[in-house]
Amino acid sequence: MPLAFNFGIWEILLLVLVVLLVFGPKRLPEMGRSLGRGMREFKDSITGNDKDGEAERAALTQAQAQPPASTTAATQSEAERPAS
């Protein structure tokens, strides 16, 4: 006989109440963050994505969009000098 899980609103509320009583309100946010982080890492390992690669690409894109600081400083220095 196949096993079917049909959860109604009352079953879900009872489950939330039991979890709240067992773990307490202070520990639930920490557990949620840990669960979310673990799921994200699992998904990234399955799909081959990694945050480090994304961060490096974003930094490279941002660096290419901005002019070098040394060129900007040299231009400002020349503009500030009195005319001879």
PDB file of N, CA and C in Angstrom:
ATOM      1  N   MET A   1       0.843  -1.175   0.000  1.00  0.00           N
ATOM      2  CA  MET A   1       0.000   0.000   0.000  1.00  0.00           C
ATOM      3  C   MET A   1       0.892   1.244   0.000  1.00  0.00           C
ATOM      4  N   PRO A   2       0.678   2.181  -0.931  1.00  0.00           N
ATOM      5  CA  PRO A   2       1.500   3.391  -0.993  1.00  0.00           C
ATOM      6  C   PRO A   2       1.258   4.279   0.223  1.00  0.00           C
ATOM      7  N   LEU A   3       2.315   4.935   0.622  1.00  0.00           N
ATOM      8  CA  LEU A   3       2.262   5.818   1.770  1.00  0.00           C
ATOM      9  C   LEU A   3       2.082   7.239   1.284  1.00  0.00           C
ATOM     10  N   ALA A   4       0.989   7.890   1.665  1.00  0.00           N
ATOM     11  CA  ALA A   4       0.711   9.256   1.230  1.00  0.00           C
ATOM     12  C   ALA A   4       0.696  10.173   2.444  1.00  0.00           C
ATOM     13  N   PHE A   5       1.352  11.302   2.295  1.00  0.00           N
ATOM     14  CA  PHE A   5       1.387  12.285   3.365  1.00  0.00           C
ATOM     15  C   PHE A   5       0.485  13.448   2.987  1.00  0.00           C
ATOM     16  N   ASN A   6      -0.658  13.508   3.629  1.00  0.00           N
ATOM     17  CA  ASN A   6      -1.580  14.609   3.408  1.00  0.00           C
ATOM     18  C   ASN A   6      -1.631  15.442   4.682  1.00  0.00           C
ATOM     19  N   PHE A   7      -0.849  16.520   4.690  1.00  0.00           N
ATOM     20  CA  PHE A   7      -0.814  17.385   5.853  1.00  0.00           C
ATOM     21  C   PHE A   7      -1.818  18.504   5.684  1.00  0.00           C
ATOM     22  N   GLY A   8      -2.672  18.655   6.677  1.00  0.00           N
ATOM     23  CA  GLY A   8      -3.610  19.762   6.702  1.00  0.00           C
ATOM     24  C   GLY A   8      -3.053  20.877   7.563  1.00  0.00           C
ATOM     25  N   ILE A   9      -3.830  21.928   7.709  1.00  0.00           N
ATOM     26  CA  ILE A   9      -3.391  23.080   8.487  1.00  0.00           C
ATOM     27  C   ILE A   9      -3.193  22.709   9.956  1.00  0.00           C
ATOM     28  N   TRP A  10      -4.048  21.836  10.496  1.00  0.00           N
ATOM     29  CA  TRP A  10      -3.941  21.471  11.918  1.00  0.00           C
ATOM     30  C   TRP A  10      -2.694  20.633  12.202  1.00  0.00           C
ATOM     31  N   GLU A  11      -2.334  19.762  11.271  1.00  0.00           N
ATOM     32  CA  GLU A  11      -1.122  18.964  11.451  1.00  0.00           C
ATOM     33  C   GLU A  11       0.128  19.838  11.404  1.00  0.00           C
ATOM     34  N   ILE A  12       0.136  20.810  10.503  1.00  0.00           N
ATOM     35  CA  ILE A  12       1.276  21.713  10.387  1.00  0.00           C
ATOM     36  C   ILE A  12       1.386  22.582  11.641  1.00  0.00           C
ATOM     37  N   LEU A  13       0.275  23.107  12.125  1.00  0.00           N
ATOM     38  CA  LEU A  13       0.289  23.909  13.351  1.00  0.00           C
ATOM     39  C   LEU A  13       0.755  23.089  14.550  1.00  0.00           C
ATOM     40  N   LEU A  14       0.323  21.845  14.643  1.00  0.00           N
ATOM     41  CA  LEU A  14       0.758  20.979  15.738  1.00  0.00           C
ATOM     42  C   LEU A  14       2.263  20.713  15.647  1.00  0.00           C
ATOM     43  N   LEU A  15       2.772  20.501  14.464  1.00  0.00           N
ATOM     44  CA  LEU A  15       4.200  20.276  14.264  1.00  0.00           C
ATOM     45  C   LEU A  15       5.003  21.517  14.655  1.00  0.00           C
ATOM     46  N   VAL A  16       4.539  22.701  14.260  1.00  0.00           N
ATOM     47  CA  VAL A  16       5.218  23.952  14.619  1.00  0.00           C
ATOM     48  C   VAL A  16       5.209  24.142  16.129  1.00  0.00           C
ATOM     49  N   LEU A  17       4.110  23.842  16.779  1.00  0.00           N
ATOM     50  CA  LEU A  17       4.017  23.978  18.226  1.00  0.00           C
ATOM     51  C   LEU A  17       4.972  23.021  18.940  1.00  0.00           C
ATOM     52  N   VAL A  18       5.061  21.794  18.485  1.00  0.00           N
ATOM     53  CA  VAL A  18       5.972  20.823  19.093  1.00  0.00           C
ATOM     54  C   VAL A  18       7.420  21.256  18.902  1.00  0.00           C
ATOM     55  N   VAL A  19       7.775  21.720  17.707  1.00  0.00           N
ATOM     56  CA  VAL A  19       9.141  22.178  17.449  1.00  0.00           C
ATOM     57  C   VAL A  19       9.463  23.381  18.324  1.00  0.00           C
ATOM     58  N   LEU A  20       8.525  24.291  18.471  1.00  0.00           N
ATOM     59  CA  LEU A  20       8.729  25.471  19.316  1.00  0.00           C
ATOM     60  C   LEU A  20       8.915  25.083  20.773  1.00  0.00           C
ATOM     61  N   LEU A  21       8.151  24.116  21.248  1.00  0.00           N
ATOM     62  CA  LEU A  21       8.282  23.666  22.634  1.00  0.00           C
ATOM     63  C   LEU A  21       9.586  22.914  22.873  1.00  0.00           C
ATOM     64  N   VAL A  22      10.026  22.150  21.904  1.00  0.00           N
ATOM     65  CA  VAL A  22      11.242  21.352  22.077  1.00  0.00           C
ATOM     66  C   VAL A  22      12.495  22.228  22.006  1.00  0.00           C
ATOM     67  N   PHE A  23      12.576  23.105  21.005  1.00  0.00           N
ATOM     68  CA  PHE A  23      13.801  23.867  20.783  1.00  0.00           C
ATOM     69  C   PHE A  23      13.773  25.261  21.397  1.00  0.00           C
ATOM     70  N   GLY A  24      12.624  25.833  21.594  1.00  0.00           N
ATOM     71  CA  GLY A  24      12.534  27.167  22.175  1.00  0.00           C
ATOM     72  C   GLY A  24      12.647  28.261  21.126  1.00  0.00           C
ATOM     73  N   PRO A  25      12.134  29.452  21.458  1.00  0.00           N
ATOM     74  CA  PRO A  25      12.108  30.538  20.472  1.00  0.00           C
ATOM     75  C   PRO A  25      13.482  31.138  20.179  1.00  0.00           C
ATOM     76  N   LYS A  26      14.446  31.010  21.090  1.00  0.00           N
ATOM     77  CA  LYS A  26      15.766  31.598  20.851  1.00  0.00           C
ATOM     78  C   LYS A  26      16.598  30.772  19.882  1.00  0.00           C
ATOM     79  N   ARG A  27      16.370  29.494  19.853  1.00  0.00           N
ATOM     80  CA  ARG A  27      17.199  28.603  19.032  1.00  0.00           C
ATOM     81  C   ARG A  27      16.654  28.443  17.609  1.00  0.00           C
ATOM     82  N   LEU A  28      15.376  28.709  17.381  1.00  0.00           N
ATOM     83  CA  LEU A  28      14.775  28.490  16.059  1.00  0.00           C
ATOM     84  C   LEU A  28      15.403  29.335  14.951  1.00  0.00           C
ATOM     85  N   PRO A  29      15.656  30.644  15.137  1.00  0.00           N
ATOM     86  CA  PRO A  29      16.276  31.404  14.037  1.00  0.00           C
ATOM     87  C   PRO A  29      17.661  30.866  13.664  1.00  0.00           C
ATOM     88  N   GLU A  30      18.439  30.465  14.649  1.00  0.00           N
ATOM     89  CA  GLU A  30      19.763  29.894  14.387  1.00  0.00           C
ATOM     90  C   GLU A  30      19.632  28.600  13.592  1.00  0.00           C
ATOM     91  N   MET A  31      18.677  27.777  13.952  1.00  0.00           N
ATOM     92  CA  MET A  31      18.463  26.524  13.228  1.00  0.00           C
ATOM     93  C   MET A  31      18.015  26.789  11.795  1.00  0.00           C
ATOM     94  N   GLY A  32      17.172  27.794  11.608  1.00  0.00           N
ATOM     95  CA  GLY A  32      16.710  28.149  10.266  1.00  0.00           C
ATOM     96  C   GLY A  32      17.852  28.623   9.387  1.00  0.00           C
ATOM     97  N   ARG A  33      18.742  29.464   9.947  1.00  0.00           N
ATOM     98  CA  ARG A  33      19.894  29.931   9.188  1.00  0.00           C
ATOM     99  C   ARG A  33      20.801  28.763   8.812  1.00  0.00           C
ATOM    100  N   SER A  34      21.033  27.868   9.759  1.00  0.00           N
ATOM    101  CA  SER A  34      21.894  26.710   9.491  1.00  0.00           C
ATOM    102  C   SER A  34      21.295  25.830   8.399  1.00  0.00           C
ATOM    103  N   LEU A  35      20.004  25.608   8.475  1.00  0.00           N
ATOM    104  CA  LEU A  35      19.328  24.790   7.470  1.00  0.00           C
ATOM    105  C   LEU A  35      19.401  25.452   6.096  1.00  0.00           C
ATOM    106  N   GLY A  36      19.160  26.755   6.036  1.00  0.00           N
ATOM    107  CA  GLY A  36      19.225  27.478   4.771  1.00  0.00           C
ATOM    108  C   GLY A  36      20.619  27.470   4.183  1.00  0.00           C
ATOM    109  N   ARG A  37      21.631  27.675   5.028  1.00  0.00           N
ATOM    110  CA  ARG A  37      23.028  27.664   4.577  1.00  0.00           C
ATOM    111  C   ARG A  37      23.400  26.287   4.038  1.00  0.00           C
ATOM    112  N   GLY A  38      22.980  25.245   4.735  1.00  0.00           N
ATOM    113  CA  GLY A  38      23.272  23.887   4.289  1.00  0.00           C
ATOM    114  C   GLY A  38      22.608  23.558   2.970  1.00  0.00           C
ATOM    115  N   MET A  39      21.350  23.975   2.822  1.00  0.00           N
ATOM    116  CA  MET A  39      20.638  23.729   1.566  1.00  0.00           C
ATOM    117  C   MET A  39      21.297  24.485   0.411  1.00  0.00           C
ATOM    118  N   ARG A  40      21.732  25.730   0.675  1.00  0.00           N
ATOM    119  CA  ARG A  40      22.387  26.531  -0.352  1.00  0.00           C
ATOM    120  C   ARG A  40      23.710  25.893  -0.772  1.00  0.00           C
ATOM    121  N   GLU A  41      24.496  25.436   0.202  1.00  0.00           N
ATOM    122  CA  GLU A  41      25.765  24.783  -0.124  1.00  0.00           C
ATOM    123  C   GLU A  41      25.542  23.503  -0.912  1.00  0.00           C
ATOM    124  N   PHE A  42      24.517  22.736  -0.538  1.00  0.00           N
ATOM    125  CA  PHE A  42      24.200  21.506  -1.251  1.00  0.00           C
ATOM    126  C   PHE A  42      23.816  21.811  -2.693  1.00  0.00           C
ATOM    127  N   LYS A  43      22.955  22.815  -2.875  1.00  0.00           N
ATOM    128  CA  LYS A  43      22.521  23.181  -4.221  1.00  0.00           C
ATOM    129  C   LYS A  43      23.706  23.654  -5.061  1.00  0.00           C
ATOM    130  N   ASP A  44      24.577  24.474  -4.459  1.00  0.00           N
ATOM    131  CA  ASP A  44      25.738  24.969  -5.186  1.00  0.00           C
ATOM    132  C   ASP A  44      26.686  23.836  -5.567  1.00  0.00           C
ATOM    133  N   SER A  45      26.836  22.850  -4.701  1.00  0.00           N
ATOM    134  CA  SER A  45      27.721  21.732  -5.028  1.00  0.00           C
ATOM    135  C   SER A  45      27.131  20.863  -6.132  1.00  0.00           C
ATOM    136  N   ILE A  46      25.822  20.747  -6.171  1.00  0.00           N
ATOM    137  CA  ILE A  46      25.165  19.952  -7.213  1.00  0.00           C
ATOM    138  C   ILE A  46      25.245  20.669  -8.560  1.00  0.00           C
ATOM    139  N   THR A  47      24.979  21.979  -8.573  1.00  0.00           N
ATOM    140  CA  THR A  47      24.941  22.728  -9.832  1.00  0.00           C
ATOM    141  C   THR A  47      26.321  23.178 -10.294  1.00  0.00           C
ATOM    142  N   GLY A  48      27.304  23.160  -9.401  1.00  0.00           N
ATOM    143  CA  GLY A  48      28.656  23.578  -9.770  1.00  0.00           C
ATOM    144  C   GLY A  48      28.886  25.058  -9.569  1.00  0.00           C
ATOM    145  N   ASN A  49      27.943  25.775  -8.980  1.00  0.00           N
ATOM    146  CA  ASN A  49      28.124  27.196  -8.704  1.00  0.00           C
ATOM    147  C   ASN A  49      28.896  27.354  -7.402  1.00  0.00           C
ATOM    148  N   ASP A  50      29.661  28.442  -7.323  1.00  0.00           N
ATOM    149  CA  ASP A  50      30.300  28.758  -6.054  1.00  0.00           C
ATOM    150  C   ASP A  50      30.326  30.263  -5.871  1.00  0.00           C
ATOM    151  N   LYS A  51      30.211  30.699  -4.627  1.00  0.00           N
ATOM    152  CA  LYS A  51      30.163  32.124  -4.327  1.00  0.00           C
ATOM    153  C   LYS A  51      31.477  32.807  -4.648  1.00  0.00           C
ATOM    154  N   ASP A  52      32.596  32.125  -4.425  1.00  0.00           N
ATOM    155  CA  ASP A  52      33.895  32.735  -4.654  1.00  0.00           C
ATOM    156  C   ASP A  52      34.043  33.148  -6.114  1.00  0.00           C
ATOM    157  N   GLY A  53      33.615  32.314  -7.011  1.00  0.00           N
ATOM    158  CA  GLY A  53      33.700  32.639  -8.424  1.00  0.00           C
ATOM    159  C   GLY A  53      32.821  33.829  -8.773  1.00  0.00           C
ATOM    160  N   GLU A  54      31.629  33.895  -8.194  1.00  0.00           N
ATOM    161  CA  GLU A  54      30.731  35.015  -8.442  1.00  0.00           C
ATOM    162  C   GLU A  54      31.315  36.302  -7.887  1.00  0.00           C
ATOM    163  N   ALA A  55      31.892  36.257  -6.697  1.00  0.00           N
ATOM    164  CA  ALA A  55      32.468  37.451  -6.080  1.00  0.00           C
ATOM    165  C   ALA A  55      33.650  37.961  -6.901  1.00  0.00           C
ATOM    166  N   GLU A  56      34.475  37.048  -7.398  1.00  0.00           N
ATOM    167  CA  GLU A  56      35.615  37.448  -8.222  1.00  0.00           C
ATOM    168  C   GLU A  56      35.150  38.084  -9.522  1.00  0.00           C
ATOM    169  N   ARG A  57      34.116  37.514 -10.145  1.00  0.00           N
ATOM    170  CA  ARG A  57      33.595  38.088 -11.385  1.00  0.00           C
ATOM    171  C   ARG A  57      32.996  39.466 -11.137  1.00  0.00           C
ATOM    172  N   ALA A  58      32.287  39.646 -10.021  1.00  0.00           N
ATOM    173  CA  ALA A  58      31.687  40.941  -9.700  1.00  0.00           C
ATOM    174  C   ALA A  58      32.768  41.982  -9.436  1.00  0.00           C
ATOM    175  N   ALA A  59      33.825  41.612  -8.728  1.00  0.00           N
ATOM    176  CA  ALA A  59      34.920  42.546  -8.450  1.00  0.00           C
ATOM    177  C   ALA A  59      35.636  42.927  -9.734  1.00  0.00           C
ATOM    178  N   LEU A  60      35.838  41.981 -10.613  1.00  0.00           N
ATOM    179  CA  LEU A  60      36.507  42.248 -11.890  1.00  0.00           C
ATOM    180  C   LEU A  60      35.655  43.183 -12.741  1.00  0.00           C
ATOM    181  N   THR A  61      34.368  42.950 -12.801  1.00  0.00           N
ATOM    182  CA  THR A  61      33.467  43.798 -13.572  1.00  0.00           C
ATOM    183  C   THR A  61      33.465  45.213 -13.016  1.00  0.00           C
ATOM    184  N   GLN A  62      33.433  45.340 -11.690  1.00  0.00           N
ATOM    185  CA  GLN A  62      33.428  46.655 -11.055  1.00  0.00           C
ATOM    186  C   GLN A  62      34.750  47.372 -11.293  1.00  0.00           C
ATOM    187  N   ALA A  63      35.855  46.660 -11.231  1.00  0.00           N
ATOM    188  CA  ALA A  63      37.166  47.258 -11.449  1.00  0.00           C
ATOM    189  C   ALA A  63      37.313  47.753 -12.888  1.00  0.00           C
ATOM    190  N   GLN A  64      36.739  47.032 -13.828  1.00  0.00           N
ATOM    191  CA  GLN A  64      36.821  47.438 -15.226  1.00  0.00           C
ATOM    192  C   GLN A  64      35.953  48.659 -15.497  1.00  0.00           C
ATOM    193  N   ALA A  65      34.877  48.830 -14.748  1.00  0.00           N
ATOM    194  CA  ALA A  65      33.960  49.941 -14.963  1.00  0.00           C
ATOM    195  C   ALA A  65      34.521  51.250 -14.411  1.00  0.00           C
ATOM    196  N   GLN A  66      35.361  51.200 -13.378  1.00  0.00           N
ATOM    197  CA  GLN A  66      35.907  52.403 -12.766  1.00  0.00           C
ATOM    198  C   GLN A  66      37.277  52.713 -13.348  1.00  0.00           C
ATOM    199  N   PRO A  67      37.578  54.017 -13.546  1.00  0.00           N
ATOM    200  CA  PRO A  67      38.919  54.367 -14.026  1.00  0.00           C
ATOM    201  C   PRO A  67      39.938  54.161 -12.911  1.00  0.00           C
ATOM    202  N   PRO A  68      41.183  53.902 -13.252  1.00  0.00           N
ATOM    203  CA  PRO A  68      42.211  53.709 -12.226  1.00  0.00           C
ATOM    204  C   PRO A  68      42.358  54.958 -11.360  1.00  0.00           C
ATOM    205  N   ALA A  69      42.611  54.766 -10.072  1.00  0.00           N
ATOM    206  CA  ALA A  69      42.717  55.868  -9.129  1.00  0.00           C
ATOM    207  C   ALA A  69      43.939  56.728  -9.417  1.00  0.00           C
ATOM    208  N   SER A  70      45.037  56.143  -9.880  1.00  0.00           N
ATOM    209  CA  SER A  70      46.261  56.906 -10.132  1.00  0.00           C
ATOM    210  C   SER A  70      46.054  57.911 -11.265  1.00  0.00           C
ATOM    211  N   THR A  71      45.306  57.558 -12.288  1.00  0.00           N
ATOM    212  CA  THR A  71      45.034  58.476 -13.395  1.00  0.00           C
ATOM    213  C   THR A  71      44.188  59.640 -12.916  1.00  0.00           C
ATOM    214  N   THR A  72      43.191  59.366 -12.104  1.00  0.00           N
ATOM    215  CA  THR A  72      42.314  60.401 -11.577  1.00  0.00           C
ATOM    216  C   THR A  72      43.096  61.346 -10.678  1.00  0.00           C
ATOM    217  N   ALA A  73      43.971  60.823  -9.829  1.00  0.00           N
ATOM    218  CA  ALA A  73      44.759  61.653  -8.920  1.00  0.00           C
ATOM    219  C   ALA A  73      45.719  62.536  -9.707  1.00  0.00           C
ATOM    220  N   ALA A  74      46.327  62.013 -10.759  1.00  0.00           N
ATOM    221  CA  ALA A  74      47.250  62.800 -11.570  1.00  0.00           C
ATOM    222  C   ALA A  74      46.512  63.929 -12.269  1.00  0.00           C
ATOM    223  N   THR A  75      45.340  63.679 -12.772  1.00  0.00           N
ATOM    224  CA  THR A  75      44.551  64.697 -13.448  1.00  0.00           C
ATOM    225  C   THR A  75      44.154  65.789 -12.470  1.00  0.00           C
ATOM    226  N   GLN A  76      43.774  65.435 -11.259  1.00  0.00           N
ATOM    227  CA  GLN A  76      43.400  66.420 -10.254  1.00  0.00           C
ATOM    228  C   GLN A  76      44.610  67.248  -9.846  1.00  0.00           C
ATOM    229  N   SER A  77      45.776  66.650  -9.719  1.00  0.00           N
ATOM    230  CA  SER A  77      46.990  67.359  -9.325  1.00  0.00           C
ATOM    231  C   SER A  77      47.339  68.405 -10.374  1.00  0.00           C
ATOM    232  N   GLU A  78      47.238  68.056 -11.623  1.00  0.00           N
ATOM    233  CA  GLU A  78      47.542  68.990 -12.697  1.00  0.00           C
ATOM    234  C   GLU A  78      46.575  70.144 -12.713  1.00  0.00           C
ATOM    235  N   ALA A  79      45.305  69.873 -12.413  1.00  0.00           N
ATOM    236  CA  ALA A  79      44.286  70.920 -12.422  1.00  0.00           C
ATOM    237  C   ALA A  79      44.482  71.872 -11.244  1.00  0.00           C
ATOM    238  N   GLU A  80      45.007  71.392 -10.125  1.00  0.00           N
ATOM    239  CA  GLU A  80      45.163  72.209  -8.938  1.00  0.00           C
ATOM    240  C   GLU A  80      46.418  73.072  -8.993  1.00  0.00           C
ATOM    241  N   ARG A  81      47.385  72.745  -9.829  1.00  0.00           N
ATOM    242  CA  ARG A  81      48.625  73.505  -9.917  1.00  0.00           C
ATOM    243  C   ARG A  81      48.382  74.892 -10.520  1.00  0.00           C
ATOM    244  N   PRO A  82      49.050  75.893  -9.995  1.00  0.00           N
ATOM    245  CA  PRO A  82      48.888  77.221 -10.600  1.00  0.00           C
ATOM    246  C   PRO A  82      49.592  77.276 -11.951  1.00  0.00           C
ATOM    247  N   ALA A  83      49.031  78.066 -12.824  1.00  0.00           N
ATOM    248  CA  ALA A  83      49.615  78.207 -14.159  1.00  0.00           C
ATOM    249  C   ALA A  83      50.919  78.975 -14.071  1.00  0.00           C
ATOM    250  N   SER A  84      51.937  78.535 -14.791  1.00  0.00           N
ATOM    251  CA  SER A  84      53.250  79.202 -14.733  1.00  0.00           C
ATOM    252  C   SER A  84      53.379  80.262 -15.772  1.00  0.00           C
TER     253      SER A  84
END
